[in-house]
Structures are given as structure tokens and as C-alpha cells.
């Protein structure tokens, strides 16, 4: 295996461990859910790391995920200001 493949494998294992911890730990009723836009952004970032061998596709997917995450943050900030 090449070095980049090892890094991708390690990041996927860490992501799987985080997902298991997230699903196995008890949740507080006051915890906030992930918005659909944030979930989509997360999916794009994960897909970008999967397609890292194809330079343009990988970075394009990661960039799209980051833009969607920033848009979600801006939407949440605007909704928070309206409620006050």
C-alpha cells in the first residue's frame, strides 16, 4: 500500500470509530440534530476523501462540502438573530 492509501485507511477507521461512539452513547434530549444541509456537506467531504486519487474530483467535492457547511452556519446565524 502507498502512503496516501494508508492515510485514507486510517482516516476511515477513525471516522468509523467516531460514528460508533456517536451511535452507542446515550443522547441528551436537549441535543441538537444535524441539519440536512450539514449532513450533505459532511457527505461531500467524505466523498472527496474517498476520491483523493483524482485530484480535481476530490478537491472539488471537499470544496463543495466546505461551501455547504459555511452556508449552513450562515443560515443558522440568521435564524438565531430572528428569534431574538
PDB file of N, CA and C in Angstrom:
ATOM      1  N   UNK A   1       0.839  -1.189   0.000  1.00  0.00           N
ATOM      2  CA  UNK A   1       0.000   0.000   0.000  1.00  0.00           C
ATOM      3  C   UNK A   1       0.878   1.244   0.000  1.00  0.00           C
ATOM      4  N   UNK A   2       0.403   2.244  -0.716  1.00  0.00           N
ATOM      5  CA  UNK A   2       1.129   3.510  -0.742  1.00  0.00           C
ATOM      6  C   UNK A   2       0.812   4.322   0.512  1.00  0.00           C
ATOM      7  N   UNK A   3       1.606   5.340   0.720  1.00  0.00           N
ATOM      8  CA  UNK A   3       1.435   6.170   1.916  1.00  0.00           C
ATOM      9  C   UNK A   3       0.071   6.851   1.929  1.00  0.00           C
ATOM     10  N   UNK A   4      -0.370   7.355   0.787  1.00  0.00           N
ATOM     11  CA  UNK A   4      -1.677   8.036   0.749  1.00  0.00           C
ATOM     12  C   UNK A   4      -2.814   7.067   1.047  1.00  0.00           C
ATOM     13  N   UNK A   5      -2.697   5.851   0.576  1.00  0.00           N
ATOM     14  CA  UNK A   5      -3.730   4.857   0.860  1.00  0.00           C
ATOM     15  C   UNK A   5      -3.774   4.518   2.342  1.00  0.00           C
ATOM     16  N   UNK A   6      -2.630   4.500   2.985  1.00  0.00           N
ATOM     17  CA  UNK A   6      -2.579   4.232   4.425  1.00  0.00           C
ATOM     18  C   UNK A   6      -3.271   5.361   5.186  1.00  0.00           C
ATOM     19  N   UNK A   7      -2.995   6.619   4.789  1.00  0.00           N
ATOM     20  CA  UNK A   7      -3.640   7.749   5.445  1.00  0.00           C
ATOM     21  C   UNK A   7      -5.156   7.718   5.252  1.00  0.00           C
ATOM     22  N   UNK A   8      -5.602   7.391   4.065  1.00  0.00           N
ATOM     23  CA  UNK A   8      -7.037   7.300   3.810  1.00  0.00           C
ATOM     24  C   UNK A   8      -7.656   6.185   4.642  1.00  0.00           C
ATOM     25  N   UNK A   9      -6.979   5.054   4.724  1.00  0.00           N
ATOM     26  CA  UNK A   9      -7.481   3.942   5.521  1.00  0.00           C
ATOM     27  C   UNK A   9      -7.577   4.322   7.001  1.00  0.00           C
ATOM     28  N   UNK A  10      -6.544   4.979   7.510  1.00  0.00           N
ATOM     29  CA  UNK A  10      -6.549   5.402   8.914  1.00  0.00           C
ATOM     30  C   UNK A  10      -7.678   6.395   9.177  1.00  0.00           C
ATOM     31  N   UNK A  11      -7.879   7.342   8.258  1.00  0.00           N
ATOM     32  CA  UNK A  11      -8.953   8.326   8.455  1.00  0.00           C
ATOM     33  C   UNK A  11     -10.325   7.666   8.410  1.00  0.00           C
ATOM     34  N   UNK A  12     -10.503   6.668   7.556  1.00  0.00           N
ATOM     35  CA  UNK A  12     -11.785   5.961   7.511  1.00  0.00           C
ATOM     36  C   UNK A  12     -12.013   5.142   8.778  1.00  0.00           C
ATOM     37  N   UNK A  13     -10.972   4.545   9.321  1.00  0.00           N
ATOM     38  CA  UNK A  13     -11.106   3.784  10.576  1.00  0.00           C
ATOM     39  C   UNK A  13     -11.471   4.727  11.720  1.00  0.00           C
ATOM     40  N   UNK A  14     -10.806   5.879  11.782  1.00  0.00           N
ATOM     41  CA  UNK A  14     -11.116   6.856  12.827  1.00  0.00           C
ATOM     42  C   UNK A  14     -12.549   7.349  12.682  1.00  0.00           C
ATOM     43  N   UNK A  15     -12.984   7.606  11.439  1.00  0.00           N
ATOM     44  CA  UNK A  15     -14.358   8.037  11.201  1.00  0.00           C
ATOM     45  C   UNK A  15     -15.361   6.966  11.635  1.00  0.00           C
ATOM     46  N   UNK A  16     -15.055   5.714  11.365  1.00  0.00           N
ATOM     47  CA  UNK A  16     -15.938   4.623  11.783  1.00  0.00           C
ATOM     48  C   UNK A  16     -16.010   4.531  13.310  1.00  0.00           C
ATOM     49  N   UNK A  17     -14.891   4.726  13.981  1.00  0.00           N
ATOM     50  CA  UNK A  17     -14.881   4.695  15.450  1.00  0.00           C
ATOM     51  C   UNK A  17     -15.718   5.846  16.009  1.00  0.00           C
ATOM     52  N   UNK A  18     -15.563   7.024  15.431  1.00  0.00           N
ATOM     53  CA  UNK A  18     -16.362   8.177  15.881  1.00  0.00           C
ATOM     54  C   UNK A  18     -17.848   7.920  15.659  1.00  0.00           C
ATOM     55  N   UNK A  19     -18.198   7.332  14.520  1.00  0.00           N
ATOM     56  CA  UNK A  19     -19.603   7.026  14.248  1.00  0.00           C
ATOM     57  C   UNK A  19     -20.146   6.011  15.255  1.00  0.00           C
ATOM     58  N   UNK A  20     -19.353   5.000  15.590  1.00  0.00           N
ATOM     59  CA  UNK A  20     -19.798   4.010  16.577  1.00  0.00           C
ATOM     60  C   UNK A  20     -19.998   4.645  17.949  1.00  0.00           C
ATOM     61  N   UNK A  21     -19.070   5.487  18.345  1.00  0.00           N
ATOM     62  CA  UNK A  21     -19.205   6.162  19.638  1.00  0.00           C
ATOM     63  C   UNK A  21     -20.439   7.048  19.640  1.00  0.00           C
ATOM     64  N   UNK A  22     -20.675   7.726  18.535  1.00  0.00           N
ATOM     65  CA  UNK A  22     -21.829   8.616  18.427  1.00  0.00           C
ATOM     66  C   UNK A  22     -23.138   7.843  18.559  1.00  0.00           C
ATOM     67  N   UNK A  23     -23.217   6.669  17.929  1.00  0.00           N
ATOM     68  CA  UNK A  23     -24.455   5.908  17.969  1.00  0.00           C
ATOM     69  C   UNK A  23     -24.623   5.097  19.252  1.00  0.00           C
ATOM     70  N   UNK A  24     -23.536   4.742  19.914  1.00  0.00           N
ATOM     71  CA  UNK A  24     -23.634   3.907  21.112  1.00  0.00           C
ATOM     72  C   UNK A  24     -23.824   4.708  22.398  1.00  0.00           C
ATOM     73  N   UNK A  25     -23.351   5.941  22.443  1.00  0.00           N
ATOM     74  CA  UNK A  25     -23.505   6.744  23.653  1.00  0.00           C
ATOM     75  C   UNK A  25     -24.943   7.226  23.787  1.00  0.00           C
ATOM     76  N   UNK A  26     -25.444   7.307  25.012  1.00  0.00           N
ATOM     77  CA  UNK A  26     -26.809   7.817  25.183  1.00  0.00           C
ATOM     78  C   UNK A  26     -26.875   9.295  24.815  1.00  0.00           C
ATOM     79  N   UNK A  27     -27.989   9.664  24.218  1.00  0.00           N
ATOM     80  CA  UNK A  27     -28.157  11.039  23.760  1.00  0.00           C
ATOM     81  C   UNK A  27     -28.960  11.840  24.775  1.00  0.00           C
ATOM     82  N   UNK A  28     -28.602  13.088  24.881  1.00  0.00           N
ATOM     83  CA  UNK A  28     -29.382  14.003  25.699  1.00  0.00           C
ATOM     84  C   UNK A  28     -30.585  14.462  24.891  1.00  0.00           C
ATOM     85  N   UNK A  29     -31.699  14.654  25.550  1.00  0.00           N
ATOM     86  CA  UNK A  29     -32.879  15.110  24.826  1.00  0.00           C
ATOM     87  C   UNK A  29     -32.726  16.552  24.361  1.00  0.00           C
ATOM     88  N   UNK A  30     -31.831  17.283  24.979  1.00  0.00           N
ATOM     89  CA  UNK A  30     -31.615  18.661  24.593  1.00  0.00           C
ATOM     90  C   UNK A  30     -30.601  18.826  23.468  1.00  0.00           C
ATOM     91  N   UNK A  31     -30.028  17.721  22.975  1.00  0.00           N
ATOM     92  CA  UNK A  31     -29.018  17.836  21.932  1.00  0.00           C
ATOM     93  C   UNK A  31     -29.661  18.199  20.603  1.00  0.00           C
ATOM     94  N   UNK A  32     -28.915  18.915  19.797  1.00  0.00           N
ATOM     95  CA  UNK A  32     -29.419  19.369  18.510  1.00  0.00           C
ATOM     96  C   UNK A  32     -29.083  18.350  17.437  1.00  0.00           C
ATOM     97  N   UNK A  33     -29.985  18.194  16.514  1.00  0.00           N
ATOM     98  CA  UNK A  33     -29.796  17.279  15.403  1.00  0.00           C
ATOM     99  C   UNK A  33     -29.002  17.947  14.289  1.00  0.00           C
ATOM    100  N   UNK A  34     -28.401  17.132  13.447  1.00  0.00           N
ATOM    101  CA  UNK A  34     -27.682  17.608  12.286  1.00  0.00           C
ATOM    102  C   UNK A  34     -28.694  18.031  11.225  1.00  0.00           C
ATOM    103  N   UNK A  35     -28.523  19.211  10.670  1.00  0.00           N
ATOM    104  CA  UNK A  35     -29.440  19.677   9.633  1.00  0.00           C
ATOM    105  C   UNK A  35     -29.168  18.919   8.336  1.00  0.00           C
ATOM    106  N   UNK A  36     -30.158  18.849   7.462  1.00  0.00           N
ATOM    107  CA  UNK A  36     -29.931  18.157   6.189  1.00  0.00           C
ATOM    108  C   UNK A  36     -28.793  18.762   5.369  1.00  0.00           C
ATOM    109  N   UNK A  37     -28.659  20.085   5.411  1.00  0.00           N
ATOM    110  CA  UNK A  37     -27.582  20.736   4.666  1.00  0.00           C
ATOM    111  C   UNK A  37     -26.213  20.387   5.254  1.00  0.00           C
ATOM    112  N   UNK A  38     -26.115  20.312   6.570  1.00  0.00           N
ATOM    113  CA  UNK A  38     -24.858  19.923   7.210  1.00  0.00           C
ATOM    114  C   UNK A  38     -24.537  18.460   6.908  1.00  0.00           C
ATOM    115  N   UNK A  39     -25.544  17.606   6.873  1.00  0.00           N
ATOM    116  CA  UNK A  39     -25.336  16.205   6.522  1.00  0.00           C
ATOM    117  C   UNK A  39     -24.848  16.047   5.090  1.00  0.00           C
ATOM    118  N   UNK A  40     -25.418  16.842   4.195  1.00  0.00           N
ATOM    119  CA  UNK A  40     -24.984  16.821   2.809  1.00  0.00           C
ATOM    120  C   UNK A  40     -23.536  17.298   2.681  1.00  0.00           C
ATOM    121  N   UNK A  41     -23.198  18.341   3.426  1.00  0.00           N
ATOM    122  CA  UNK A  41     -21.823  18.851   3.417  1.00  0.00           C
ATOM    123  C   UNK A  41     -20.860  17.790   3.928  1.00  0.00           C
ATOM    124  N   UNK A  42     -21.242  17.111   4.995  1.00  0.00           N
ATOM    125  CA  UNK A  42     -20.415  16.039   5.553  1.00  0.00           C
ATOM    126  C   UNK A  42     -20.221  14.928   4.526  1.00  0.00           C
ATOM    127  N   UNK A  43     -21.281  14.586   3.815  1.00  0.00           N
ATOM    128  CA  UNK A  43     -21.197  13.551   2.778  1.00  0.00           C
ATOM    129  C   UNK A  43     -20.255  13.939   1.652  1.00  0.00           C
ATOM    130  N   UNK A  44     -20.311  15.205   1.237  1.00  0.00           N
ATOM    131  CA  UNK A  44     -19.408  15.672   0.186  1.00  0.00           C
ATOM    132  C   UNK A  44     -17.956  15.612   0.634  1.00  0.00           C
ATOM    133  N   UNK A  45     -17.699  15.975   1.863  1.00  0.00           N
ATOM    134  CA  UNK A  45     -16.325  15.949   2.367  1.00  0.00           C
ATOM    135  C   UNK A  45     -15.806  14.510   2.448  1.00  0.00           C
ATOM    136  N   UNK A  46     -16.633  13.596   2.897  1.00  0.00           N
ATOM    137  CA  UNK A  46     -16.234  12.189   2.955  1.00  0.00           C
ATOM    138  C   UNK A  46     -16.001  11.646   1.554  1.00  0.00           C
ATOM    139  N   UNK A  47     -16.891  11.991   0.613  1.00  0.00           N
ATOM    140  CA  UNK A  47     -16.718  11.542  -0.772  1.00  0.00           C
ATOM    141  C   UNK A  47     -15.439  12.117  -1.363  1.00  0.00           C
ATOM    142  N   UNK A  48     -15.115  13.349  -1.025  1.00  0.00           N
ATOM    143  CA  UNK A  48     -13.879  13.951  -1.512  1.00  0.00           C
ATOM    144  C   UNK A  48     -12.653  13.228  -1.007  1.00  0.00           C
ATOM    145  N   UNK A  49     -12.706  12.752   0.232  1.00  0.00           N
ATOM    146  CA  UNK A  49     -11.566  11.997   0.750  1.00  0.00           C
ATOM    147  C   UNK A  49     -11.482  10.615   0.110  1.00  0.00           C
ATOM    148  N   UNK A  50     -12.610  10.076  -0.310  1.00  0.00           N
ATOM    149  CA  UNK A  50     -12.612   8.774  -0.986  1.00  0.00           C
ATOM    150  C   UNK A  50     -12.026   8.881  -2.393  1.00  0.00           C
ATOM    151  N   UNK A  51     -12.302   9.985  -3.076  1.00  0.00           N
ATOM    152  CA  UNK A  51     -11.817  10.183  -4.439  1.00  0.00           C
ATOM    153  C   UNK A  51     -10.554  11.032  -4.462  1.00  0.00           C
ATOM    154  N   UNK A  52      -9.685  10.844  -3.498  1.00  0.00           N
ATOM    155  CA  UNK A  52      -8.480  11.670  -3.407  1.00  0.00           C
ATOM    156  C   UNK A  52      -7.473  11.358  -4.507  1.00  0.00           C
ATOM    157  N   UNK A  53      -7.600  10.205  -5.140  1.00  0.00           N
ATOM    158  CA  UNK A  53      -6.671   9.872  -6.216  1.00  0.00           C
ATOM    159  C   UNK A  53      -6.901  10.756  -7.436  1.00  0.00           C
ATOM    160  N   UNK A  54      -8.151  11.111  -7.661  1.00  0.00           N
ATOM    161  CA  UNK A  54      -8.482  12.034  -8.747  1.00  0.00           C
ATOM    162  C   UNK A  54      -8.458  13.443  -8.172  1.00  0.00           C
ATOM    163  N   UNK A  55      -7.423  14.174  -8.477  1.00  0.00           N
ATOM    164  CA  UNK A  55      -7.148  15.479  -7.878  1.00  0.00           C
ATOM    165  C   UNK A  55      -8.335  16.415  -7.958  1.00  0.00           C
ATOM    166  N   UNK A  56      -8.815  16.663  -9.164  1.00  0.00           N
ATOM    167  CA  UNK A  56      -9.872  17.657  -9.367  1.00  0.00           C
ATOM    168  C   UNK A  56     -11.183  17.227  -8.724  1.00  0.00           C
ATOM    169  N   UNK A  57     -11.517  15.969  -8.866  1.00  0.00           N
ATOM    170  CA  UNK A  57     -12.771  15.482  -8.290  1.00  0.00           C
ATOM    171  C   UNK A  57     -12.719  15.512  -6.767  1.00  0.00           C
ATOM    172  N   UNK A  58     -11.638  15.054  -6.180  1.00  0.00           N
ATOM    173  CA  UNK A  58     -11.517  15.016  -4.720  1.00  0.00           C
ATOM    174  C   UNK A  58     -11.583  16.396  -4.094  1.00  0.00           C
ATOM    175  N   UNK A  59     -10.766  17.309  -4.615  1.00  0.00           N
ATOM    176  CA  UNK A  59     -10.770  18.663  -4.064  1.00  0.00           C
ATOM    177  C   UNK A  59     -12.065  19.401  -4.390  1.00  0.00           C
ATOM    178  N   UNK A  60     -12.665  19.095  -5.525  1.00  0.00           N
ATOM    179  CA  UNK A  60     -13.952  19.713  -5.867  1.00  0.00           C
ATOM    180  C   UNK A  60     -15.049  19.303  -4.899  1.00  0.00           C
ATOM    181  N   UNK A  61     -15.075  18.016  -4.546  1.00  0.00           N
ATOM    182  CA  UNK A  61     -16.079  17.528  -3.593  1.00  0.00           C
ATOM    183  C   UNK A  61     -15.841  18.101  -2.200  1.00  0.00           C
ATOM    184  N   UNK A  62     -14.591  18.154  -1.779  1.00  0.00           N
ATOM    185  CA  UNK A  62     -14.285  18.727  -0.466  1.00  0.00           C
ATOM    186  C   UNK A  62     -14.648  20.207  -0.439  1.00  0.00           C
ATOM    187  N   UNK A  63     -14.318  20.931  -1.503  1.00  0.00           N
ATOM    188  CA  UNK A  63     -14.669  22.353  -1.584  1.00  0.00           C
ATOM    189  C   UNK A  63     -16.172  22.575  -1.549  1.00  0.00           C
ATOM    190  N   UNK A  64     -16.916  21.720  -2.250  1.00  0.00           N
ATOM    191  CA  UNK A  64     -18.376  21.815  -2.225  1.00  0.00           C
ATOM    192  C   UNK A  64     -18.902  21.572  -0.817  1.00  0.00           C
ATOM    193  N   UNK A  65     -18.338  20.602  -0.123  1.00  0.00           N
ATOM    194  CA  UNK A  65     -18.746  20.313   1.253  1.00  0.00           C
ATOM    195  C   UNK A  65     -18.478  21.476   2.187  1.00  0.00           C
ATOM    196  N   UNK A  66     -17.327  22.101   2.022  1.00  0.00           N
ATOM    197  CA  UNK A  66     -16.986  23.248   2.872  1.00  0.00           C
ATOM    198  C   UNK A  66     -17.932  24.417   2.594  1.00  0.00           C
ATOM    199  N   UNK A  67     -18.231  24.665   1.331  1.00  0.00           N
ATOM    200  CA  UNK A  67     -19.158  25.755   0.978  1.00  0.00           C
ATOM    201  C   UNK A  67     -20.541  25.493   1.562  1.00  0.00           C
ATOM    202  N   UNK A  68     -21.008  24.245   1.480  1.00  0.00           N
ATOM    203  CA  UNK A  68     -22.316  23.909   2.052  1.00  0.00           C
ATOM    204  C   UNK A  68     -22.316  24.054   3.570  1.00  0.00           C
ATOM    205  N   UNK A  69     -21.219  23.684   4.211  1.00  0.00           N
ATOM    206  CA  UNK A  69     -21.126  23.827   5.669  1.00  0.00           C
ATOM    207  C   UNK A  69     -21.151  25.303   6.068  1.00  0.00           C
ATOM    208  N   UNK A  70     -20.441  26.140   5.320  1.00  0.00           N
ATOM    209  CA  UNK A  70     -20.445  27.576   5.611  1.00  0.00           C
ATOM    210  C   UNK A  70     -21.842  28.155   5.395  1.00  0.00           C
ATOM    211  N   UNK A  71     -22.518  27.707   4.335  1.00  0.00           N
ATOM    212  CA  UNK A  71     -23.886  28.177   4.086  1.00  0.00           C
ATOM    213  C   UNK A  71     -24.814  27.775   5.227  1.00  0.00           C
ATOM    214  N   UNK A  72     -24.641  26.567   5.754  1.00  0.00           N
ATOM    215  CA  UNK A  72     -25.458  26.110   6.873  1.00  0.00           C
ATOM    216  C   UNK A  72     -25.197  26.952   8.120  1.00  0.00           C
ATOM    217  N   UNK A  73     -23.942  27.295   8.351  1.00  0.00           N
ATOM    218  CA  UNK A  73     -23.603  28.138   9.508  1.00  0.00           C
ATOM    219  C   UNK A  73     -24.256  29.511   9.367  1.00  0.00           C
ATOM    220  N   UNK A  74     -24.193  30.092   8.167  1.00  0.00           N
ATOM    221  CA  UNK A  74     -24.794  31.409   7.943  1.00  0.00           C
ATOM    222  C   UNK A  74     -26.302  31.358   8.140  1.00  0.00           C
ATOM    223  N   UNK A  75     -26.947  30.309   7.635  1.00  0.00           N
ATOM    224  CA  UNK A  75     -28.401  30.164   7.805  1.00  0.00           C
ATOM    225  C   UNK A  75     -28.759  30.057   9.279  1.00  0.00           C
ATOM    226  N   UNK A  76     -27.986  29.270  10.037  1.00  0.00           N
ATOM    227  CA  UNK A  76     -28.257  29.132  11.474  1.00  0.00           C
ATOM    228  C   UNK A  76     -28.066  30.455  12.210  1.00  0.00           C
ATOM    229  N   UNK A  77     -27.044  31.219  11.844  1.00  0.00           N
ATOM    230  CA  UNK A  77     -26.811  32.514  12.485  1.00  0.00           C
ATOM    231  C   UNK A  77     -27.963  33.485  12.195  1.00  0.00           C
ATOM    232  N   UNK A  78     -28.449  33.487  10.972  1.00  0.00           N
ATOM    233  CA  UNK A  78     -29.565  34.376  10.622  1.00  0.00           C
ATOM    234  C   UNK A  78     -30.849  33.983  11.346  1.00  0.00           C
ATOM    235  N   UNK A  79     -31.084  32.676  11.484  1.00  0.00           N
ATOM    236  CA  UNK A  79     -32.273  32.215  12.204  1.00  0.00           C
ATOM    237  C   UNK A  79     -32.167  32.576  13.682  1.00  0.00           C
ATOM    238  N   UNK A  80     -30.974  32.515  14.226  1.00  0.00           N
ATOM    239  CA  UNK A  80     -30.769  32.867  15.632  1.00  0.00           C
ATOM    240  C   UNK A  80     -31.013  34.343  15.884  1.00  0.00           C
ATOM    241  N   UNK A  81     -30.655  35.198  14.948  1.00  0.00           N
ATOM    242  CA  UNK A  81     -30.886  36.631  15.098  1.00  0.00           C
ATOM    243  C   UNK A  81     -32.365  36.978  14.977  1.00  0.00           C
ATOM    244  N   UNK A  82     -33.096  36.229  14.157  1.00  0.00           N
ATOM    245  CA  UNK A  82     -34.537  36.488  14.002  1.00  0.00           C
ATOM    246  C   UNK A  82     -35.308  36.140  15.261  1.00  0.00           C
ATOM    247  N   UNK A  83     -34.868  35.116  15.977  1.00  0.00           N
ATOM    248  CA  UNK A  83     -35.580  34.684  17.173  1.00  0.00           C
ATOM    249  C   UNK A  83     -35.413  35.654  18.325  1.00  0.00           C
ATOM    250  N   UNK A  84     -34.345  36.455  18.311  1.00  0.00           N
ATOM    251  CA  UNK A  84     -34.092  37.372  19.430  1.00  0.00           C
ATOM    252  C   UNK A  84     -34.867  38.614  19.314  1.00  0.00           C
TER     253      UNK A  84
END
